Structure formats: structure tokens, C-alpha cells
Amino acid sequence: MNKFLKSFARKQRGLTTVEYAVAGGLIVATLVAAFTALGGRVEAIITGITTAIGG
């Protein structure tokens, strides 16, 4: 019985690690998408300012 409990505890730790890895991957993917969209907007604003100044 003791062996079973130790094995079960190890499996639960492994599952938690996988869950954290998946959550981390989702956060990174969201940040990349947000920064990509923000970069396009910033570029458009800078281009508009440059055009308005006459540069």
C-alpha cells in the first residue's frame, strides 16, 4: 500500500508540472499575439505622425 501511495503522489506532481507548462504556453502565446497586434498599431501611428510632419 505504501508503494502505491508513493507512486500516486509522483504521478500527481507530474500532472501538475504538465498543467503549469500548458498554462505557461498559453500565456506566452497570448503575449506574443498582443505584442504583434500592438506593434502594428504603433507603426501605423508613427507613420501617420511622420506624414503629418512632412518627413
N, C-alpha and C. Protein backbone atom coordinates (compact mmCIF):
# COMPACT_ATOMS: atom_id res chain seq x y z
N MET A 1 0.82 -1.19 0.00
CA MET A 1 0.00 0.00 0.00
C MET A 1 0.86 1.26 0.00
N ASN A 2 1.94 1.23 0.75
CA ASN A 2 2.84 2.37 0.83
C ASN A 2 3.45 2.68 -0.54
N LYS A 3 3.80 1.64 -1.25
CA LYS A 3 4.38 1.79 -2.59
C LYS A 3 3.37 2.45 -3.54
N PHE A 4 2.12 2.05 -3.43
CA PHE A 4 1.06 2.61 -4.26
C PHE A 4 0.89 4.11 -3.99
N LEU A 5 0.91 4.50 -2.71
CA LEU A 5 0.73 5.91 -2.36
C LEU A 5 1.88 6.77 -2.87
N LYS A 6 3.10 6.25 -2.78
CA LYS A 6 4.25 7.00 -3.29
C LYS A 6 4.15 7.17 -4.80
N SER A 7 3.76 6.10 -5.48
CA SER A 7 3.60 6.17 -6.93
C SER A 7 2.51 7.16 -7.31
N PHE A 8 1.41 7.16 -6.59
CA PHE A 8 0.31 8.08 -6.85
C PHE A 8 0.75 9.53 -6.64
N ALA A 9 1.52 9.78 -5.58
CA ALA A 9 2.00 11.13 -5.30
C ALA A 9 2.91 11.62 -6.42
N ARG A 10 3.77 10.75 -6.92
CA ARG A 10 4.67 11.13 -8.02
C ARG A 10 3.88 11.46 -9.28
N LYS A 11 2.86 10.68 -9.56
CA LYS A 11 2.05 10.93 -10.74
C LYS A 11 1.31 12.26 -10.63
N GLN A 12 0.85 12.60 -9.44
CA GLN A 12 0.15 13.86 -9.24
C GLN A 12 1.10 15.04 -9.44
N ARG A 13 2.33 14.94 -8.99
CA ARG A 13 3.30 16.00 -9.20
C ARG A 13 3.60 16.18 -10.68
N GLY A 14 3.71 15.08 -11.40
CA GLY A 14 3.96 15.14 -12.83
C GLY A 14 2.83 15.81 -13.57
N LEU A 15 1.62 15.52 -13.17
CA LEU A 15 0.46 16.13 -13.79
C LEU A 15 0.44 17.63 -13.54
N THR A 16 0.78 18.05 -12.35
CA THR A 16 0.82 19.46 -12.03
C THR A 16 1.85 20.18 -12.88
N THR A 17 2.99 19.56 -13.10
CA THR A 17 4.02 20.15 -13.93
C THR A 17 3.52 20.34 -15.35
N VAL A 18 2.83 19.36 -15.87
CA VAL A 18 2.28 19.46 -17.23
C VAL A 18 1.24 20.58 -17.28
N GLU A 19 0.42 20.68 -16.27
CA GLU A 19 -0.59 21.74 -16.25
C GLU A 19 0.06 23.12 -16.24
N TYR A 20 1.11 23.28 -15.44
CA TYR A 20 1.82 24.57 -15.42
C TYR A 20 2.47 24.86 -16.77
N ALA A 21 3.01 23.85 -17.41
CA ALA A 21 3.64 24.04 -18.72
C ALA A 21 2.61 24.47 -19.76
N VAL A 22 1.44 23.85 -19.74
CA VAL A 22 0.38 24.22 -20.68
C VAL A 22 -0.09 25.65 -20.41
N ALA A 23 -0.30 25.98 -19.14
CA ALA A 23 -0.74 27.33 -18.79
C ALA A 23 0.31 28.36 -19.19
N GLY A 24 1.57 28.06 -18.96
CA GLY A 24 2.64 28.96 -19.36
C GLY A 24 2.68 29.16 -20.86
N GLY A 25 2.49 28.08 -21.60
CA GLY A 25 2.48 28.18 -23.06
C GLY A 25 1.34 29.05 -23.56
N LEU A 26 0.17 28.92 -22.94
CA LEU A 26 -0.97 29.75 -23.33
C LEU A 26 -0.71 31.23 -23.02
N ILE A 27 -0.09 31.50 -21.90
CA ILE A 27 0.23 32.89 -21.54
C ILE A 27 1.22 33.47 -22.53
N VAL A 28 2.24 32.73 -22.88
CA VAL A 28 3.24 33.20 -23.84
C VAL A 28 2.60 33.46 -25.20
N ALA A 29 1.75 32.54 -25.65
CA ALA A 29 1.08 32.71 -26.94
C ALA A 29 0.20 33.96 -26.94
N THR A 30 -0.48 34.21 -25.84
CA THR A 30 -1.33 35.40 -25.73
C THR A 30 -0.48 36.67 -25.76
N LEU A 31 0.63 36.66 -25.05
CA LEU A 31 1.51 37.84 -25.05
C LEU A 31 2.10 38.11 -26.43
N VAL A 32 2.50 37.08 -27.12
CA VAL A 32 3.05 37.25 -28.47
C VAL A 32 2.00 37.85 -29.40
N ALA A 33 0.78 37.34 -29.31
CA ALA A 33 -0.30 37.88 -30.16
C ALA A 33 -0.59 39.33 -29.81
N ALA A 34 -0.61 39.66 -28.53
CA ALA A 34 -0.88 41.04 -28.10
C ALA A 34 0.22 41.98 -28.56
N PHE A 35 1.47 41.60 -28.40
CA PHE A 35 2.57 42.46 -28.81
C PHE A 35 2.63 42.61 -30.33
N THR A 36 2.28 41.57 -31.05
CA THR A 36 2.26 41.65 -32.51
C THR A 36 1.19 42.65 -32.97
N ALA A 37 0.01 42.57 -32.38
CA ALA A 37 -1.07 43.50 -32.73
C ALA A 37 -0.70 44.92 -32.32
N LEU A 38 -0.10 45.08 -31.16
CA LEU A 38 0.29 46.40 -30.68
C LEU A 38 1.38 46.98 -31.57
N GLY A 39 2.31 46.16 -32.01
CA GLY A 39 3.38 46.64 -32.88
C GLY A 39 2.84 47.21 -34.17
N GLY A 40 1.84 46.59 -34.75
CA GLY A 40 1.23 47.10 -35.97
C GLY A 40 0.57 48.44 -35.75
N ARG A 41 -0.10 48.61 -34.62
CA ARG A 41 -0.75 49.89 -34.32
C ARG A 41 0.27 50.99 -34.10
N VAL A 42 1.33 50.69 -33.38
CA VAL A 42 2.37 51.69 -33.12
C VAL A 42 3.01 52.13 -34.43
N GLU A 43 3.28 51.18 -35.31
CA GLU A 43 3.87 51.52 -36.61
C GLU A 43 2.94 52.44 -37.39
N ALA A 44 1.65 52.16 -37.38
CA ALA A 44 0.69 53.00 -38.10
C ALA A 44 0.64 54.41 -37.52
N ILE A 45 0.70 54.52 -36.21
CA ILE A 45 0.68 55.85 -35.58
C ILE A 45 1.94 56.64 -35.91
N ILE A 46 3.08 55.99 -35.86
CA ILE A 46 4.34 56.68 -36.17
C ILE A 46 4.36 57.11 -37.65
N THR A 47 3.87 56.26 -38.53
CA THR A 47 3.80 56.62 -39.94
C THR A 47 2.87 57.81 -40.16
N GLY A 48 1.75 57.83 -39.45
CA GLY A 48 0.82 58.96 -39.55
C GLY A 48 1.44 60.25 -39.04
N ILE A 49 2.15 60.18 -37.96
CA ILE A 49 2.82 61.38 -37.42
C ILE A 49 3.89 61.87 -38.38
N THR A 50 4.67 60.94 -38.92
CA THR A 50 5.73 61.31 -39.86
C THR A 50 5.14 61.96 -41.10
N THR A 51 4.04 61.44 -41.60
CA THR A 51 3.40 62.00 -42.77
C THR A 51 2.83 63.40 -42.46
N ALA A 52 2.26 63.56 -41.27
CA ALA A 52 1.71 64.86 -40.89
C ALA A 52 2.78 65.93 -40.74
N ILE A 53 3.94 65.51 -40.26
CA ILE A 53 5.06 66.46 -40.10
C ILE A 53 5.64 66.81 -41.46
N GLY A 54 5.54 65.87 -42.37
CA GLY A 54 6.07 66.12 -43.72
C GLY A 54 7.42 65.48 -43.93
N GLY A 55 7.71 64.47 -43.15
CA GLY A 55 9.00 63.80 -43.25
C GLY A 55 8.91 62.67 -44.17
